[in-house]
């Protein structure tokens, strides 16, 4: 299968993964008492409500220019003031997205190992597995506004955590710096985490 054909097969599966990631954020925030995701129409499987043009384009760019695919969807707006414990609530909302990607990856690797597949299906699912692991790892980086920044904020004072969240508007510049200025180190970090997680997942499903 050509790279273009593989990419076209992957696109709907990739979109589904991103939608489930953001939907997980929205569901957890809603369960913790924040009505904002519902008000903004994020409690839906409709991809139009979740996709970010630039973040989606990054999947195509990295697919053709690197050995790993990654990108992002439109962040779910959450107002921590609705939570009884704002920092902890934000951390729970944040971790739900990457955990969803890891759960998808775990199911996919189980299928890859235990189900007889055609070459085409195996190739598509193998890349879908990779994308979900990378999505999970990428979003756990402790850089605002990524999910990892909400998790590390639990260890901060309330005032520091508020200032930390205020860096969200600048965080994407740091992320692009990591990707393009420190490209080799960035992909080495992501690749190392990918290999460790793959080893754990293969063991978990009896591979």
N, C-alpha and C. Protein backbone atom coordinates (compact mmCIF):
# COMPACT_ATOMS: atom_id res chain seq x y z
N UNK A 1 0.85 -1.19 0.00
CA UNK A 1 0.00 0.00 0.00
C UNK A 1 0.88 1.25 0.00
N UNK A 2 0.56 2.21 -0.84
CA UNK A 2 1.34 3.45 -0.89
C UNK A 2 1.10 4.27 0.37
N UNK A 3 2.03 5.20 0.63
CA UNK A 3 1.87 6.06 1.81
C UNK A 3 0.60 6.91 1.71
N UNK A 4 0.27 7.35 0.51
CA UNK A 4 -0.94 8.15 0.35
C UNK A 4 -2.18 7.31 0.64
N UNK A 5 -2.21 6.09 0.13
CA UNK A 5 -3.36 5.22 0.38
C UNK A 5 -3.48 4.91 1.87
N UNK A 6 -2.36 4.64 2.51
CA UNK A 6 -2.37 4.37 3.95
C UNK A 6 -2.91 5.57 4.72
N UNK A 7 -2.48 6.75 4.34
CA UNK A 7 -2.93 7.96 5.02
C UNK A 7 -4.44 8.15 4.85
N UNK A 8 -4.95 7.89 3.65
CA UNK A 8 -6.39 8.06 3.41
C UNK A 8 -7.21 7.04 4.20
N UNK A 9 -6.70 5.83 4.36
CA UNK A 9 -7.38 4.84 5.20
C UNK A 9 -7.36 5.27 6.67
N UNK A 10 -6.27 5.92 7.06
CA UNK A 10 -6.08 6.26 8.47
C UNK A 10 -6.91 7.45 8.92
N UNK A 11 -7.18 8.40 8.02
CA UNK A 11 -7.81 9.66 8.39
C UNK A 11 -9.08 9.49 9.24
N UNK A 12 -10.07 8.68 8.81
CA UNK A 12 -11.28 8.57 9.65
C UNK A 12 -11.01 7.96 11.02
N UNK A 13 -10.06 7.03 11.10
CA UNK A 13 -9.71 6.45 12.39
C UNK A 13 -9.00 7.46 13.27
N UNK A 14 -8.18 8.28 12.65
CA UNK A 14 -7.48 9.33 13.38
C UNK A 14 -8.45 10.37 13.92
N UNK A 15 -9.39 10.78 13.10
CA UNK A 15 -10.41 11.73 13.54
C UNK A 15 -11.20 11.17 14.71
N UNK A 16 -11.55 9.90 14.64
CA UNK A 16 -12.28 9.26 15.73
C UNK A 16 -11.47 9.29 17.02
N UNK A 17 -10.18 9.03 16.94
CA UNK A 17 -9.32 9.05 18.12
C UNK A 17 -9.29 10.44 18.76
N UNK A 18 -9.17 11.47 17.92
CA UNK A 18 -9.14 12.84 18.45
C UNK A 18 -10.47 13.22 19.09
N UNK A 19 -11.56 12.82 18.45
CA UNK A 19 -12.88 13.14 18.99
C UNK A 19 -13.07 12.46 20.34
N UNK A 20 -12.69 11.20 20.46
CA UNK A 20 -12.85 10.49 21.73
C UNK A 20 -11.97 11.10 22.82
N UNK A 21 -10.80 11.58 22.45
CA UNK A 21 -9.91 12.26 23.40
C UNK A 21 -10.59 13.48 23.99
N UNK A 22 -11.12 14.33 23.12
CA UNK A 22 -11.77 15.56 23.60
C UNK A 22 -13.09 15.27 24.30
N UNK A 23 -13.82 14.28 23.81
CA UNK A 23 -15.07 13.92 24.46
C UNK A 23 -14.82 13.43 25.88
N UNK A 24 -13.72 12.72 26.09
CA UNK A 24 -13.37 12.27 27.44
C UNK A 24 -13.17 13.45 28.38
N UNK A 25 -12.47 14.48 27.90
CA UNK A 25 -12.32 15.71 28.71
C UNK A 25 -13.69 16.28 29.07
N UNK A 26 -14.56 16.38 28.05
CA UNK A 26 -15.86 17.01 28.25
C UNK A 26 -16.72 16.22 29.22
N UNK A 27 -16.70 14.90 29.10
CA UNK A 27 -17.52 14.06 29.98
C UNK A 27 -17.06 14.17 31.43
N UNK A 28 -15.75 14.10 31.66
CA UNK A 28 -15.23 14.18 33.04
C UNK A 28 -15.52 15.55 33.64
N UNK A 29 -15.30 16.61 32.87
CA UNK A 29 -15.58 17.95 33.39
C UNK A 29 -17.06 18.10 33.75
N UNK A 30 -17.92 17.58 32.91
CA UNK A 30 -19.36 17.65 33.17
C UNK A 30 -19.73 16.86 34.42
N UNK A 31 -19.15 15.66 34.57
CA UNK A 31 -19.44 14.85 35.74
C UNK A 31 -18.96 15.51 37.03
N UNK A 32 -17.93 16.35 36.92
CA UNK A 32 -17.40 17.04 38.10
C UNK A 32 -18.15 18.34 38.38
N UNK A 33 -19.13 18.69 37.55
CA UNK A 33 -19.98 19.83 37.84
C UNK A 33 -19.85 21.04 36.95
N UNK A 34 -19.01 20.97 35.93
CA UNK A 34 -18.83 22.12 35.04
C UNK A 34 -19.79 22.00 33.85
N UNK A 35 -20.72 22.95 33.70
CA UNK A 35 -21.67 22.89 32.58
C UNK A 35 -21.10 23.41 31.26
N UNK A 36 -19.89 23.96 31.29
CA UNK A 36 -19.33 24.63 30.12
C UNK A 36 -19.22 23.72 28.90
N UNK A 37 -18.69 22.50 29.03
CA UNK A 37 -18.60 21.65 27.82
C UNK A 37 -19.95 21.41 27.17
N UNK A 38 -20.99 21.20 27.98
CA UNK A 38 -22.32 21.00 27.39
C UNK A 38 -22.79 22.26 26.69
N UNK A 39 -22.58 23.42 27.34
CA UNK A 39 -23.01 24.68 26.76
C UNK A 39 -22.30 24.98 25.43
N UNK A 40 -21.08 24.48 25.30
CA UNK A 40 -20.30 24.73 24.08
C UNK A 40 -20.43 23.59 23.07
N UNK A 41 -21.34 22.69 23.32
CA UNK A 41 -21.60 21.63 22.36
C UNK A 41 -20.50 20.60 22.23
N UNK A 42 -19.76 20.35 23.32
CA UNK A 42 -18.65 19.40 23.23
C UNK A 42 -19.00 17.99 23.70
N UNK A 43 -20.22 17.79 24.20
CA UNK A 43 -20.65 16.45 24.58
C UNK A 43 -21.27 15.76 23.37
N UNK A 44 -20.46 15.57 22.35
CA UNK A 44 -20.94 15.03 21.08
C UNK A 44 -19.83 14.26 20.39
N UNK A 45 -20.23 13.33 19.54
CA UNK A 45 -19.26 12.61 18.70
C UNK A 45 -19.08 13.28 17.34
N UNK A 46 -19.76 14.40 17.14
CA UNK A 46 -19.64 15.14 15.87
C UNK A 46 -18.23 15.73 15.76
N UNK A 47 -17.43 15.28 14.80
CA UNK A 47 -16.04 15.77 14.71
C UNK A 47 -15.93 17.26 14.45
N UNK A 48 -16.93 17.86 13.83
CA UNK A 48 -16.88 19.30 13.54
C UNK A 48 -16.74 20.10 14.83
N UNK A 49 -17.30 19.61 15.92
CA UNK A 49 -17.25 20.32 17.19
C UNK A 49 -15.89 20.22 17.87
N UNK A 50 -15.06 19.29 17.43
CA UNK A 50 -13.82 19.02 18.15
C UNK A 50 -12.53 19.31 17.37
N UNK A 51 -12.58 19.31 16.06
CA UNK A 51 -11.34 19.40 15.29
C UNK A 51 -10.81 20.83 15.21
N UNK A 52 -9.50 20.94 15.33
CA UNK A 52 -8.80 22.22 15.19
C UNK A 52 -8.06 22.19 13.85
N UNK A 53 -8.25 23.18 13.00
CA UNK A 53 -7.64 23.14 11.66
C UNK A 53 -6.13 22.95 11.68
N UNK A 54 -5.42 23.74 12.50
CA UNK A 54 -3.96 23.64 12.54
C UNK A 54 -3.52 22.31 13.15
N UNK A 55 -4.16 21.93 14.25
CA UNK A 55 -3.79 20.68 14.90
C UNK A 55 -4.03 19.48 14.01
N UNK A 56 -5.11 19.52 13.24
CA UNK A 56 -5.40 18.43 12.31
C UNK A 56 -4.39 18.42 11.18
N UNK A 57 -4.04 19.61 10.68
CA UNK A 57 -3.05 19.70 9.60
C UNK A 57 -1.70 19.15 10.03
N UNK A 58 -1.38 19.28 11.34
CA UNK A 58 -0.10 18.79 11.83
C UNK A 58 0.04 17.28 11.65
N UNK A 59 -1.08 16.55 11.71
CA UNK A 59 -1.00 15.12 11.47
C UNK A 59 -0.52 14.83 10.06
N UNK A 60 -1.05 15.57 9.10
CA UNK A 60 -0.59 15.39 7.74
C UNK A 60 0.86 15.81 7.55
N UNK A 61 1.24 16.94 8.15
CA UNK A 61 2.61 17.45 8.03
C UNK A 61 3.60 16.47 8.63
N UNK A 62 3.33 16.01 9.85
CA UNK A 62 4.27 15.10 10.50
C UNK A 62 4.27 13.72 9.85
N UNK A 63 3.14 13.33 9.26
CA UNK A 63 3.09 12.04 8.57
C UNK A 63 4.10 12.03 7.42
N UNK A 64 4.18 13.14 6.69
CA UNK A 64 5.04 13.18 5.52
C UNK A 64 6.48 13.59 5.85
N UNK A 65 6.68 14.28 6.98
CA UNK A 65 8.01 14.83 7.26
C UNK A 65 8.75 14.15 8.40
N UNK A 66 8.13 13.22 9.11
CA UNK A 66 8.81 12.60 10.24
C UNK A 66 8.39 11.14 10.35
N UNK A 67 8.97 10.46 11.34
CA UNK A 67 8.64 9.05 11.56
C UNK A 67 7.47 8.88 12.50
N UNK A 68 6.97 9.98 13.10
CA UNK A 68 5.83 9.91 14.00
C UNK A 68 4.77 10.90 13.55
N UNK A 69 3.51 10.52 13.73
CA UNK A 69 2.40 11.43 13.48
C UNK A 69 1.88 11.97 14.80
N UNK A 70 1.61 13.25 14.86
CA UNK A 70 0.94 13.81 16.02
C UNK A 70 0.32 15.14 15.65
N UNK A 71 -0.60 15.58 16.49
CA UNK A 71 -1.29 16.84 16.30
C UNK A 71 -2.24 17.02 17.47
N UNK A 72 -3.26 17.82 17.29
CA UNK A 72 -4.17 18.07 18.40
C UNK A 72 -5.53 18.50 17.88
N UNK A 73 -6.52 18.41 18.76
CA UNK A 73 -7.87 18.86 18.45
C UNK A 73 -8.15 20.17 19.21
N UNK A 74 -9.33 20.71 19.04
CA UNK A 74 -9.70 21.96 19.72
C UNK A 74 -9.90 21.67 21.20
N UNK A 75 -9.20 22.40 22.08
CA UNK A 75 -9.32 22.13 23.51
C UNK A 75 -10.75 22.36 24.01
N UNK A 76 -11.15 21.54 24.95
CA UNK A 76 -12.45 21.71 25.61
C UNK A 76 -12.31 22.81 26.66
N UNK A 77 -13.16 23.81 26.57
CA UNK A 77 -13.14 24.89 27.56
C UNK A 77 -13.69 24.37 28.88
N UNK A 78 -12.89 24.51 29.93
CA UNK A 78 -13.27 24.05 31.27
C UNK A 78 -13.06 25.19 32.24
N UNK A 79 -14.00 25.37 33.15
CA UNK A 79 -13.89 26.42 34.16
C UNK A 79 -13.73 25.76 35.54
N UNK A 80 -12.50 25.73 36.05
CA UNK A 80 -12.23 25.01 37.30
C UNK A 80 -12.97 25.56 38.51
N UNK A 81 -13.50 26.77 38.42
CA UNK A 81 -14.26 27.33 39.53
C UNK A 81 -15.49 26.51 39.88
N UNK A 82 -15.95 25.69 38.96
CA UNK A 82 -17.11 24.83 39.23
C UNK A 82 -16.75 23.59 40.05
N UNK A 83 -15.45 23.27 40.14
CA UNK A 83 -15.03 22.07 40.83
C UNK A 83 -14.84 22.34 42.33
N UNK A 84 -15.14 21.35 43.14
CA UNK A 84 -14.91 21.51 44.59
C UNK A 84 -13.43 21.72 44.88
N UNK A 85 -12.58 21.01 44.16
CA UNK A 85 -11.12 21.16 44.30
C UNK A 85 -10.58 21.44 42.91
N UNK A 86 -10.43 22.72 42.56
CA UNK A 86 -10.14 23.10 41.17
C UNK A 86 -8.90 22.44 40.56
N UNK A 87 -7.78 22.46 41.27
CA UNK A 87 -6.56 21.89 40.69
C UNK A 87 -6.70 20.40 40.45
N UNK A 88 -7.24 19.70 41.44
CA UNK A 88 -7.41 18.26 41.29
C UNK A 88 -8.44 17.93 40.21
N UNK A 89 -9.50 18.75 40.15
CA UNK A 89 -10.51 18.54 39.12
C UNK A 89 -9.93 18.73 37.73
N UNK A 90 -9.12 19.76 37.56
CA UNK A 90 -8.49 20.01 36.26
C UNK A 90 -7.56 18.87 35.87
N UNK A 91 -6.85 18.32 36.87
CA UNK A 91 -5.95 17.19 36.60
C UNK A 91 -6.74 15.97 36.13
N UNK A 92 -7.89 15.71 36.77
CA UNK A 92 -8.72 14.57 36.37
C UNK A 92 -9.26 14.76 34.96
N UNK A 93 -9.71 15.97 34.66
CA UNK A 93 -10.19 16.26 33.31
C UNK A 93 -9.06 16.07 32.30
N UNK A 94 -7.89 16.57 32.65
CA UNK A 94 -6.75 16.50 31.74
C UNK A 94 -6.33 15.07 31.44
N UNK A 95 -6.21 14.26 32.48
CA UNK A 95 -5.68 12.90 32.29
C UNK A 95 -6.66 12.01 31.52
N UNK A 96 -7.94 12.38 31.51
CA UNK A 96 -8.94 11.56 30.81
C UNK A 96 -8.64 11.44 29.32
N UNK A 97 -8.12 12.51 28.71
CA UNK A 97 -7.83 12.47 27.27
C UNK A 97 -6.73 11.49 26.92
N UNK A 98 -5.52 11.64 27.49
CA UNK A 98 -4.46 10.67 27.19
C UNK A 98 -4.82 9.24 27.57
N UNK A 99 -5.53 9.05 28.68
CA UNK A 99 -5.93 7.70 29.06
C UNK A 99 -6.84 7.07 28.01
N UNK A 100 -7.68 7.89 27.40
CA UNK A 100 -8.54 7.40 26.32
C UNK A 100 -7.70 6.93 25.14
N UNK A 101 -6.68 7.71 24.78
CA UNK A 101 -5.80 7.30 23.68
C UNK A 101 -5.04 6.02 24.02
N UNK A 102 -4.58 5.90 25.25
CA UNK A 102 -3.87 4.68 25.64
C UNK A 102 -4.82 3.48 25.64
N UNK A 103 -6.08 3.70 26.02
CA UNK A 103 -7.06 2.61 26.01
C UNK A 103 -7.32 2.14 24.57
N UNK A 104 -7.45 3.10 23.64
CA UNK A 104 -7.63 2.74 22.24
C UNK A 104 -6.43 1.95 21.75
N UNK A 105 -5.23 2.43 22.09
CA UNK A 105 -4.00 1.76 21.66
C UNK A 105 -3.93 0.34 22.22
N UNK A 106 -4.36 0.16 23.46
CA UNK A 106 -4.31 -1.17 24.07
C UNK A 106 -5.23 -2.15 23.34
N UNK A 107 -6.42 -1.68 22.98
CA UNK A 107 -7.35 -2.53 22.22
C UNK A 107 -6.76 -2.86 20.85
N UNK A 108 -6.18 -1.85 20.20
CA UNK A 108 -5.62 -2.06 18.86
C UNK A 108 -4.46 -3.04 18.90
N UNK A 109 -3.56 -2.92 19.88
CA UNK A 109 -2.41 -3.83 19.93
C UNK A 109 -2.86 -5.25 20.23
N UNK A 110 -3.93 -5.39 21.01
CA UNK A 110 -4.48 -6.73 21.26
C UNK A 110 -5.00 -7.34 19.97
N UNK A 111 -5.67 -6.55 19.14
CA UNK A 111 -6.15 -7.03 17.84
C UNK A 111 -4.97 -7.40 16.94
N UNK A 112 -3.96 -6.55 16.91
CA UNK A 112 -2.80 -6.81 16.07
C UNK A 112 -2.11 -8.12 16.42
N UNK A 113 -2.07 -8.42 17.71
CA UNK A 113 -1.35 -9.60 18.17
C UNK A 113 -2.19 -10.88 18.06
N UNK A 114 -3.48 -10.75 18.34
CA UNK A 114 -4.29 -11.96 18.48
C UNK A 114 -5.27 -12.24 17.34
N UNK A 115 -5.42 -11.31 16.40
CA UNK A 115 -6.39 -11.49 15.31
C UNK A 115 -5.64 -11.58 13.98
N UNK A 116 -6.02 -12.53 13.16
CA UNK A 116 -5.40 -12.65 11.84
C UNK A 116 -5.98 -11.58 10.92
N UNK A 117 -5.11 -10.75 10.37
CA UNK A 117 -5.54 -9.60 9.58
C UNK A 117 -4.91 -9.64 8.20
N UNK A 118 -5.55 -8.96 7.26
CA UNK A 118 -4.92 -8.77 5.95
C UNK A 118 -3.74 -7.80 6.13
N UNK A 119 -2.85 -7.81 5.15
CA UNK A 119 -1.70 -6.91 5.23
C UNK A 119 -2.14 -5.45 5.33
N UNK A 120 -3.17 -5.10 4.56
CA UNK A 120 -3.66 -3.71 4.56
C UNK A 120 -4.21 -3.34 5.93
N UNK A 121 -5.07 -4.22 6.50
CA UNK A 121 -5.66 -3.94 7.82
C UNK A 121 -4.57 -3.84 8.88
N UNK A 122 -3.58 -4.73 8.80
CA UNK A 122 -2.50 -4.70 9.79
C UNK A 122 -1.74 -3.38 9.71
N UNK A 123 -1.44 -2.94 8.51
CA UNK A 123 -0.67 -1.71 8.33
C UNK A 123 -1.44 -0.50 8.86
N UNK A 124 -2.73 -0.43 8.55
CA UNK A 124 -3.55 0.69 9.02
C UNK A 124 -3.66 0.68 10.55
N UNK A 125 -3.94 -0.48 11.13
CA UNK A 125 -4.09 -0.56 12.58
C UNK A 125 -2.77 -0.32 13.31
N UNK A 126 -1.68 -0.75 12.71
CA UNK A 126 -0.37 -0.50 13.32
C UNK A 126 -0.10 1.00 13.42
N UNK A 127 -0.45 1.73 12.36
CA UNK A 127 -0.25 3.18 12.40
C UNK A 127 -1.25 3.84 13.33
N UNK A 128 -2.48 3.32 13.39
CA UNK A 128 -3.46 3.85 14.34
C UNK A 128 -2.97 3.66 15.77
N UNK A 129 -2.38 2.51 16.06
CA UNK A 129 -1.80 2.27 17.38
C UNK A 129 -0.73 3.33 17.67
N UNK A 130 0.17 3.51 16.72
CA UNK A 130 1.25 4.47 16.92
C UNK A 130 0.71 5.87 17.20
N UNK A 131 -0.28 6.28 16.40
CA UNK A 131 -0.82 7.63 16.55
C UNK A 131 -1.43 7.82 17.94
N UNK A 132 -2.16 6.82 18.43
CA UNK A 132 -2.80 6.97 19.74
C UNK A 132 -1.79 7.00 20.88
N UNK A 133 -0.75 6.22 20.78
CA UNK A 133 0.29 6.29 21.81
C UNK A 133 0.98 7.65 21.77
N UNK A 134 1.28 8.13 20.57
CA UNK A 134 1.94 9.42 20.45
C UNK A 134 1.03 10.55 20.93
N UNK A 135 -0.27 10.46 20.62
CA UNK A 135 -1.21 11.45 21.12
C UNK A 135 -1.21 11.48 22.64
N UNK A 136 -1.23 10.30 23.25
CA UNK A 136 -1.23 10.23 24.71
C UNK A 136 0.04 10.81 25.29
N UNK A 137 1.18 10.43 24.74
CA UNK A 137 2.47 10.92 25.25
C UNK A 137 2.61 12.41 25.03
N UNK A 138 2.31 12.86 23.81
CA UNK A 138 2.44 14.27 23.47
C UNK A 138 1.60 15.15 24.40
N UNK A 139 0.36 14.73 24.67
CA UNK A 139 -0.51 15.53 25.51
C UNK A 139 -0.11 15.50 26.98
N UNK A 140 0.72 14.56 27.38
CA UNK A 140 1.19 14.50 28.77
C UNK A 140 2.43 15.37 29.00
N UNK A 141 2.96 15.98 27.95
CA UNK A 141 4.09 16.90 28.15
C UNK A 141 3.65 18.05 29.07
N UNK A 142 4.45 18.41 30.06
CA UNK A 142 4.05 19.44 31.03
C UNK A 142 4.25 20.86 30.49
N UNK A 143 3.65 21.12 29.34
CA UNK A 143 3.76 22.43 28.70
C UNK A 143 2.35 22.98 28.49
N UNK A 144 2.02 24.15 29.05
CA UNK A 144 0.70 24.74 28.80
C UNK A 144 0.50 24.94 27.30
N UNK A 145 -0.66 24.65 26.76
CA UNK A 145 -1.90 24.21 27.42
C UNK A 145 -2.13 22.70 27.37
N UNK A 146 -1.08 21.91 27.17
CA UNK A 146 -1.25 20.46 27.06
C UNK A 146 -1.72 19.87 28.38
N UNK A 147 -2.28 18.66 28.32
CA UNK A 147 -2.87 18.03 29.49
C UNK A 147 -1.87 17.86 30.63
N UNK A 148 -0.62 17.58 30.28
CA UNK A 148 0.39 17.39 31.31
C UNK A 148 0.58 18.60 32.19
N UNK A 149 0.33 19.79 31.65
CA UNK A 149 0.50 21.01 32.46
C UNK A 149 -0.55 21.09 33.56
N UNK A 150 -1.75 20.53 33.30
CA UNK A 150 -2.81 20.53 34.33
C UNK A 150 -2.49 19.52 35.43
N UNK A 151 -1.81 18.45 35.05
CA UNK A 151 -1.48 17.42 36.03
C UNK A 151 -0.38 17.91 36.98
N UNK A 152 0.67 18.52 36.45
CA UNK A 152 1.76 19.00 37.32
C UNK A 152 1.29 20.17 38.18
N UNK A 153 0.24 20.87 37.76
CA UNK A 153 -0.26 22.02 38.53
C UNK A 153 -0.81 21.61 39.89
N UNK A 154 -1.14 20.32 40.06
CA UNK A 154 -1.66 19.85 41.34
C UNK A 154 -0.63 20.10 42.45
N UNK A 155 0.67 20.04 42.11
CA UNK A 155 1.72 20.23 43.10
C UNK A 155 2.02 21.70 43.37
N UNK A 156 1.35 22.62 42.67
CA UNK A 156 1.62 24.05 42.81
C UNK A 156 0.64 24.69 43.80
N UNK A 157 1.01 25.85 44.32
CA UNK A 157 0.06 26.62 45.11
C UNK A 157 -1.03 27.14 44.21
N UNK A 158 -2.14 27.57 44.78
CA UNK A 158 -3.26 28.06 43.96
C UNK A 158 -2.83 29.25 43.09
N UNK A 159 -2.07 30.16 43.69
CA UNK A 159 -1.65 31.35 42.95
C UNK A 159 -0.71 30.98 41.81
N UNK A 160 0.22 30.06 42.08
CA UNK A 160 1.16 29.63 41.05
C UNK A 160 0.44 28.89 39.94
N UNK A 161 -0.52 28.05 40.33
CA UNK A 161 -1.29 27.29 39.33
C UNK A 161 -2.07 28.23 38.42
N UNK A 162 -2.61 29.30 38.99
CA UNK A 162 -3.36 30.27 38.18
C UNK A 162 -2.43 30.97 37.19
N UNK A 163 -1.23 31.34 37.65
CA UNK A 163 -0.26 31.96 36.74
C UNK A 163 0.20 30.96 35.68
N UNK A 164 0.34 29.72 36.08
CA UNK A 164 0.75 28.65 35.16
C UNK A 164 -0.28 28.49 34.04
N UNK A 165 -1.58 28.50 34.40
CA UNK A 165 -2.62 28.41 33.37
C UNK A 165 -2.60 29.62 32.46
N UNK A 166 -2.16 30.76 33.00
CA UNK A 166 -2.10 31.97 32.19
C UNK A 166 -1.09 31.89 31.06
N UNK A 167 -0.20 30.88 31.11
CA UNK A 167 0.79 30.71 30.05
C UNK A 167 0.24 29.96 28.84
N UNK A 168 -1.03 29.56 28.92
CA UNK A 168 -1.62 28.78 27.82
C UNK A 168 -1.45 29.46 26.47
N UNK A 169 -1.62 30.79 26.45
CA UNK A 169 -1.57 31.51 25.18
C UNK A 169 -0.18 31.50 24.56
N UNK A 170 0.84 31.21 25.37
CA UNK A 170 2.21 31.19 24.86
C UNK A 170 2.72 29.77 24.67
N UNK A 171 2.01 28.81 25.22
CA UNK A 171 2.51 27.44 25.22
C UNK A 171 2.73 26.86 23.85
N UNK A 172 1.87 27.20 22.88
CA UNK A 172 2.03 26.63 21.55
C UNK A 172 3.34 27.06 20.90
N UNK A 173 3.83 28.27 21.26
CA UNK A 173 5.13 28.69 20.73
C UNK A 173 6.23 27.79 21.27
N UNK A 174 6.12 27.42 22.55
CA UNK A 174 7.10 26.51 23.14
C UNK A 174 7.03 25.14 22.48
N UNK A 175 5.81 24.70 22.18
CA UNK A 175 5.64 23.39 21.54
C UNK A 175 6.25 23.40 20.15
N UNK A 176 5.98 24.46 19.38
CA UNK A 176 6.57 24.54 18.04
C UNK A 176 8.10 24.64 18.13
N UNK A 177 8.59 25.30 19.18
CA UNK A 177 10.03 25.35 19.39
C UNK A 177 10.61 23.97 19.62
N UNK A 178 9.92 23.18 20.44
CA UNK A 178 10.36 21.80 20.68
C UNK A 178 10.38 21.00 19.39
N UNK A 179 9.35 21.19 18.58
CA UNK A 179 9.20 20.39 17.37
C UNK A 179 10.22 20.77 16.30
N UNK A 180 10.37 22.07 16.07
CA UNK A 180 11.15 22.50 14.93
C UNK A 180 12.59 22.91 15.27
N UNK A 181 12.81 23.47 16.45
CA UNK A 181 14.16 23.90 16.82
C UNK A 181 14.95 22.75 17.42
N UNK A 182 14.30 21.98 18.29
CA UNK A 182 14.96 20.84 18.93
C UNK A 182 14.36 19.54 18.40
N UNK A 183 14.25 19.47 17.10
CA UNK A 183 13.53 18.36 16.45
C UNK A 183 14.06 16.99 16.87
N UNK A 184 15.39 16.80 16.80
CA UNK A 184 15.97 15.50 17.09
C UNK A 184 15.74 15.10 18.55
N UNK A 185 15.99 16.05 19.48
CA UNK A 185 15.80 15.75 20.89
C UNK A 185 14.33 15.48 21.20
N UNK A 186 13.43 16.24 20.55
CA UNK A 186 12.00 16.06 20.78
C UNK A 186 11.55 14.67 20.35
N UNK A 187 11.94 14.27 19.15
CA UNK A 187 11.51 12.97 18.66
C UNK A 187 12.21 11.82 19.38
N UNK A 188 13.40 12.08 19.89
CA UNK A 188 14.07 11.06 20.71
C UNK A 188 13.30 10.84 22.01
N UNK A 189 12.84 11.94 22.62
CA UNK A 189 12.04 11.84 23.85
C UNK A 189 10.74 11.09 23.58
N UNK A 190 10.02 11.50 22.55
CA UNK A 190 8.75 10.86 22.22
C UNK A 190 8.98 9.39 21.85
N UNK A 191 10.02 9.14 21.08
CA UNK A 191 10.31 7.77 20.65
C UNK A 191 10.65 6.86 21.81
N UNK A 192 11.41 7.37 22.78
CA UNK A 192 11.75 6.57 23.95
C UNK A 192 10.51 6.20 24.76
N UNK A 193 9.63 7.19 24.96
CA UNK A 193 8.39 6.92 25.68
C UNK A 193 7.51 5.94 24.92
N UNK A 194 7.49 6.08 23.60
CA UNK A 194 6.70 5.18 22.76
C UNK A 194 7.16 3.74 22.91
N UNK A 195 8.45 3.52 22.91
CA UNK A 195 8.99 2.17 23.01
C UNK A 195 8.67 1.55 24.37
N UNK A 196 8.79 2.35 25.44
CA UNK A 196 8.50 1.83 26.77
C UNK A 196 7.02 1.46 26.91
N UNK A 197 6.15 2.33 26.42
CA UNK A 197 4.71 2.07 26.52
C UNK A 197 4.33 0.85 25.67
N UNK A 198 4.92 0.74 24.49
CA UNK A 198 4.64 -0.41 23.63
C UNK A 198 5.03 -1.71 24.32
N UNK A 199 6.19 -1.72 24.95
CA UNK A 199 6.63 -2.91 25.66
C UNK A 199 5.63 -3.30 26.76
N UNK A 200 5.15 -2.31 27.50
CA UNK A 200 4.18 -2.57 28.58
C UNK A 200 2.86 -3.08 28.01
N UNK A 201 2.40 -2.46 26.91
CA UNK A 201 1.12 -2.86 26.34
C UNK A 201 1.17 -4.25 25.74
N UNK A 202 2.25 -4.58 25.05
CA UNK A 202 2.39 -5.91 24.48
C UNK A 202 2.39 -6.96 25.58
N UNK A 203 3.07 -6.68 26.67
CA UNK A 203 3.08 -7.60 27.81
C UNK A 203 1.69 -7.72 28.41
N UNK A 204 0.96 -6.59 28.50
CA UNK A 204 -0.36 -6.57 29.13
C UNK A 204 -1.37 -7.42 28.36
N UNK A 205 -1.24 -7.47 27.04
CA UNK A 205 -2.22 -8.23 26.25
C UNK A 205 -1.73 -9.63 25.91
N UNK A 206 -0.61 -10.00 26.51
CA UNK A 206 -0.13 -11.37 26.32
C UNK A 206 0.62 -11.59 25.04
N UNK A 207 1.32 -10.55 24.59
CA UNK A 207 2.08 -10.67 23.36
C UNK A 207 3.46 -11.27 23.57
